N, C-alpha and C. Protein backbone atom coordinates (compact mmCIF):
# COMPACT_ATOMS: atom_id res chain seq x y z
N MET A 1 40.11 94.19 -40.89
CA MET A 1 40.73 95.38 -41.35
C MET A 1 39.66 96.45 -42.38
N GLU A 2 39.26 97.52 -42.11
CA GLU A 2 38.47 98.30 -42.84
C GLU A 2 39.37 98.09 -44.11
N ARG A 3 38.35 98.13 -44.96
CA ARG A 3 39.59 98.19 -47.20
C ARG A 3 40.45 99.44 -46.88
N GLY A 4 38.91 100.58 -46.73
CA GLY A 4 39.28 101.65 -46.72
C GLY A 4 41.10 102.49 -46.55
N ILE A 5 41.11 102.15 -44.81
CA ILE A 5 42.27 101.80 -44.25
C ILE A 5 43.23 100.85 -44.78
N ARG A 6 42.43 100.37 -44.95
CA ARG A 6 44.25 99.62 -45.35
C ARG A 6 44.29 99.90 -47.62
N LYS A 7 43.69 100.71 -48.49
CA LYS A 7 44.13 101.52 -49.24
C LYS A 7 45.04 102.38 -48.72
N VAL A 8 45.01 102.90 -47.58
CA VAL A 8 45.09 105.07 -47.13
C VAL A 8 46.49 104.14 -46.36
N LEU A 9 46.94 103.07 -46.06
CA LEU A 9 47.92 102.43 -45.57
C LEU A 9 49.05 102.13 -46.42
N GLN A 10 48.66 100.99 -46.96
CA GLN A 10 48.76 100.66 -48.65
C GLN A 10 49.74 102.13 -49.76
N ASP A 11 49.07 102.93 -49.64
CA ASP A 11 49.60 104.39 -50.21
C ASP A 11 50.64 105.31 -49.85
N MET A 12 49.81 105.00 -48.51
CA MET A 12 51.75 106.25 -47.51
C MET A 12 52.83 104.83 -47.75
N ALA A 13 52.34 103.95 -47.77
CA ALA A 13 54.23 102.33 -48.07
C ALA A 13 54.74 103.58 -49.37
N SER A 14 53.79 103.02 -50.59
CA SER A 14 54.15 103.11 -52.20
C SER A 14 55.08 104.61 -52.24
N SER A 15 53.92 105.09 -51.52
CA SER A 15 54.67 106.78 -51.56
C SER A 15 55.90 107.00 -50.45
N TRP A 16 56.18 106.94 -49.43
CA TRP A 16 57.81 107.03 -49.10
C TRP A 16 58.86 106.29 -49.96
N PRO A 17 59.93 107.39 -49.98
CA PRO A 17 61.28 107.15 -50.78
C PRO A 17 61.92 105.76 -50.04
N SER A 18 61.22 105.39 -49.61
CA SER A 18 62.45 104.51 -49.18
C SER A 18 61.67 102.71 -48.43
N GLU A 19 62.67 102.20 -48.33
CA GLU A 19 62.25 100.78 -47.40
C GLU A 19 62.04 100.11 -45.80
N ILE A 20 62.93 101.55 -45.98
CA ILE A 20 62.74 101.78 -44.28
C ILE A 20 62.85 103.84 -44.00
N VAL A 21 62.15 103.61 -42.37
CA VAL A 21 62.06 104.94 -41.92
C VAL A 21 62.16 104.48 -40.54
N SER A 22 63.72 105.94 -40.87
CA SER A 22 64.09 105.98 -39.15
C SER A 22 62.94 106.25 -38.17
N ARG A 23 62.99 105.80 -36.86
CA ARG A 23 62.78 106.07 -35.84
C ARG A 23 62.07 107.93 -35.72
N CYS A 24 63.00 108.73 -35.98
CA CYS A 24 63.04 109.99 -36.39
C CYS A 24 61.80 110.75 -37.54
N GLU A 25 61.69 110.04 -38.10
CA GLU A 25 61.07 110.16 -39.13
C GLU A 25 59.63 109.40 -39.96
N ILE A 26 59.20 108.66 -38.24
CA ILE A 26 58.06 108.21 -37.98
C ILE A 26 56.67 109.49 -38.08
N GLY A 27 56.71 110.77 -37.46
CA GLY A 27 56.20 111.26 -37.39
C GLY A 27 55.49 112.13 -38.72
N ALA A 28 56.87 111.94 -39.96
CA ALA A 28 56.48 112.11 -41.46
C ALA A 28 55.68 111.23 -42.41
N PHE A 29 56.30 109.72 -41.86
CA PHE A 29 55.53 108.59 -42.69
C PHE A 29 54.15 108.39 -42.38
N THR A 30 54.12 108.55 -41.16
CA THR A 30 52.63 108.60 -40.80
C THR A 30 51.53 110.17 -40.52
N GLY A 31 52.28 110.78 -41.65
CA GLY A 31 50.99 112.01 -41.31
C GLY A 31 51.04 112.65 -39.80
N GLY A 32 51.97 112.54 -38.75
CA GLY A 32 51.73 113.01 -37.40
C GLY A 32 50.69 111.89 -36.19
N ALA A 33 50.32 110.66 -36.83
CA ALA A 33 50.32 109.26 -36.18
C ALA A 33 50.43 108.99 -34.77
N LEU A 34 51.60 109.02 -35.45
CA LEU A 34 52.89 108.33 -34.62
C LEU A 34 53.98 109.43 -33.93
N LYS A 35 54.11 109.56 -33.04
CA LYS A 35 55.29 109.99 -32.54
C LYS A 35 56.94 109.92 -32.27
N GLU A 36 57.41 110.01 -32.21
CA GLU A 36 59.09 109.33 -32.43
C GLU A 36 59.49 108.88 -30.55
N ARG A 37 58.84 109.45 -30.08
CA ARG A 37 58.79 109.44 -28.03
C ARG A 37 57.98 108.26 -28.16
N TYR A 38 57.21 108.37 -28.51
CA TYR A 38 56.05 107.24 -28.13
C TYR A 38 56.38 105.21 -29.01
N CYS A 39 57.21 105.93 -29.95
CA CYS A 39 57.51 104.18 -30.50
C CYS A 39 58.96 104.00 -30.14
N ALA A 40 59.51 105.01 -29.64
CA ALA A 40 60.67 104.65 -28.49
C ALA A 40 60.40 103.95 -27.29
N ASN A 41 59.01 104.39 -26.68
CA ASN A 41 58.64 104.25 -25.45
C ASN A 41 57.72 102.95 -26.16
N LEU A 42 57.37 102.06 -26.80
CA LEU A 42 56.38 101.21 -26.59
C LEU A 42 57.97 99.55 -27.27
N ASP A 43 58.74 100.48 -28.22
CA ASP A 43 60.38 99.66 -28.21
C ASP A 43 60.76 98.96 -26.75
N SER A 44 61.16 99.57 -25.91
CA SER A 44 61.23 99.53 -24.69
C SER A 44 60.59 98.82 -23.78
N ALA A 45 59.63 99.04 -24.15
CA ALA A 45 58.48 97.78 -23.23
C ALA A 45 58.42 96.54 -23.87
N GLY A 46 58.60 96.78 -25.44
CA GLY A 46 59.11 95.26 -25.95
C GLY A 46 57.40 95.49 -26.85
N LYS A 47 56.71 96.29 -27.25
CA LYS A 47 55.78 96.13 -27.95
C LYS A 47 55.25 97.00 -29.21
N GLY A 48 56.69 97.52 -29.17
CA GLY A 48 57.30 98.23 -30.50
C GLY A 48 57.22 97.70 -32.39
N ILE A 49 57.43 98.41 -33.20
CA ILE A 49 57.72 97.67 -33.93
C ILE A 49 58.17 96.32 -34.64
N GLN A 50 58.05 95.95 -35.05
CA GLN A 50 59.13 95.02 -35.50
C GLN A 50 60.30 95.24 -36.43
N GLY A 51 60.87 94.39 -36.24
CA GLY A 51 61.91 94.38 -37.13
C GLY A 51 62.92 95.28 -36.99
N ARG A 52 62.59 96.13 -35.96
CA ARG A 52 63.78 97.87 -36.18
C ARG A 52 65.23 96.82 -36.06
N PHE A 53 66.18 98.17 -35.86
CA PHE A 53 67.16 97.68 -36.37
C PHE A 53 68.28 99.16 -36.22
N ARG A 54 69.36 99.47 -35.92
CA ARG A 54 69.75 100.11 -36.23
C ARG A 54 71.04 100.55 -37.30
N ILE A 55 70.86 102.15 -37.62
CA ILE A 55 71.77 102.23 -38.69
C ILE A 55 72.74 103.59 -37.91
N GLY A 56 73.96 102.97 -37.45
CA GLY A 56 75.11 104.30 -36.64
C GLY A 56 73.71 104.51 -35.80
N ARG A 57 73.56 105.53 -35.33
CA ARG A 57 73.03 105.90 -34.17
C ARG A 57 71.40 105.91 -34.69
N LYS A 58 70.55 105.71 -35.38
CA LYS A 58 69.42 105.97 -35.76
C LYS A 58 69.00 104.68 -35.60
N VAL A 59 67.63 104.65 -34.83
CA VAL A 59 66.95 103.26 -35.31
C VAL A 59 66.01 103.08 -36.40
N CYS A 60 65.73 101.86 -37.02
CA CYS A 60 65.16 102.11 -38.18
C CYS A 60 64.10 101.03 -38.04
N TYR A 61 63.09 100.81 -38.64
CA TYR A 61 61.74 99.91 -38.92
C TYR A 61 61.76 99.97 -40.33
N PRO A 62 61.28 98.64 -40.65
CA PRO A 62 61.24 99.00 -42.19
C PRO A 62 59.71 98.66 -42.62
N VAL A 63 59.66 99.75 -43.95
CA VAL A 63 58.07 99.69 -44.17
C VAL A 63 56.85 99.11 -43.48
N ASN A 64 56.80 97.98 -44.38
CA ASN A 64 56.14 96.73 -44.17
C ASN A 64 55.98 96.50 -42.91
N SER A 65 56.60 96.60 -42.30
CA SER A 65 56.31 95.93 -40.38
C SER A 65 56.01 97.67 -39.93
N VAL A 66 55.72 99.09 -40.32
CA VAL A 66 55.37 100.00 -40.01
C VAL A 66 53.71 99.99 -39.94
N ILE A 67 53.29 99.58 -41.41
CA ILE A 67 51.89 99.06 -42.50
C ILE A 67 51.36 97.75 -40.83
N ASP A 68 52.49 97.78 -41.21
CA ASP A 68 51.43 95.98 -39.90
C ASP A 68 51.65 95.95 -38.90
N PHE A 69 52.04 97.32 -38.40
CA PHE A 69 51.92 97.96 -36.72
C PHE A 69 50.91 98.56 -36.64
N LEU A 70 50.55 99.61 -37.37
CA LEU A 70 49.07 100.43 -37.74
C LEU A 70 48.52 99.70 -38.49
N GLU A 71 47.99 98.90 -39.06
CA GLU A 71 46.42 98.23 -39.43
C GLU A 71 46.63 97.44 -37.99
N LYS A 72 46.91 96.70 -37.75
CA LYS A 72 46.86 96.38 -36.19
C LYS A 72 46.63 97.56 -35.08
N ARG A 73 46.34 98.45 -35.31
CA ARG A 73 45.89 99.56 -34.43
C ARG A 73 44.81 100.09 -35.04
N SER A 74 44.55 100.01 -36.17
CA SER A 74 43.54 101.18 -36.79
C SER A 74 42.09 100.04 -37.26
N GLU A 75 41.23 101.89 -36.95
CA GLU A 75 39.76 100.41 -37.02
C GLU A 75 39.37 102.13 -37.40
N LYS A 76 37.79 101.75 -37.97
CA LYS A 76 36.75 102.99 -38.26
C LYS A 76 36.12 103.56 -37.41
N ILE A 77 36.17 104.83 -37.21
CA ILE A 77 34.33 105.26 -36.57
C ILE A 77 33.47 105.25 -37.33
N GLU A 78 32.57 104.82 -36.72
CA GLU A 78 31.31 104.78 -37.22
C GLU A 78 30.63 105.99 -36.75
N ALA A 79 30.41 107.00 -37.52
CA ALA A 79 29.71 108.64 -37.19
C ALA A 79 28.13 107.72 -36.51
N LYS A 80 28.05 108.71 -35.57
CA LYS A 80 26.71 108.29 -34.94
C LYS A 80 25.37 108.88 -35.19
N GLU A 81 24.56 108.68 -35.37
CA GLU A 81 23.01 109.03 -35.61
C GLU A 81 22.42 110.13 -34.51
N VAL A 82 22.07 110.90 -35.25
CA VAL A 82 21.41 112.32 -33.69
C VAL A 82 19.92 111.86 -33.93
């Protein structure tokens, strides 16, 4: 994992006001990188964020699990020389 990416993700986690992220807030947490529907689809396919749980009607994820999920799917894109 690229160190710069890890720092960005850790900063996201530390600035979030809770230990959990509800699925409907995943877009706000990730700055739009993930959408609620995408997470729901991944969850139903068994490929979603680990540790999800329900509070009433809301599906929630631990912040650390969201960060782990993002770390596994992130990579730095190198600029191509012209």
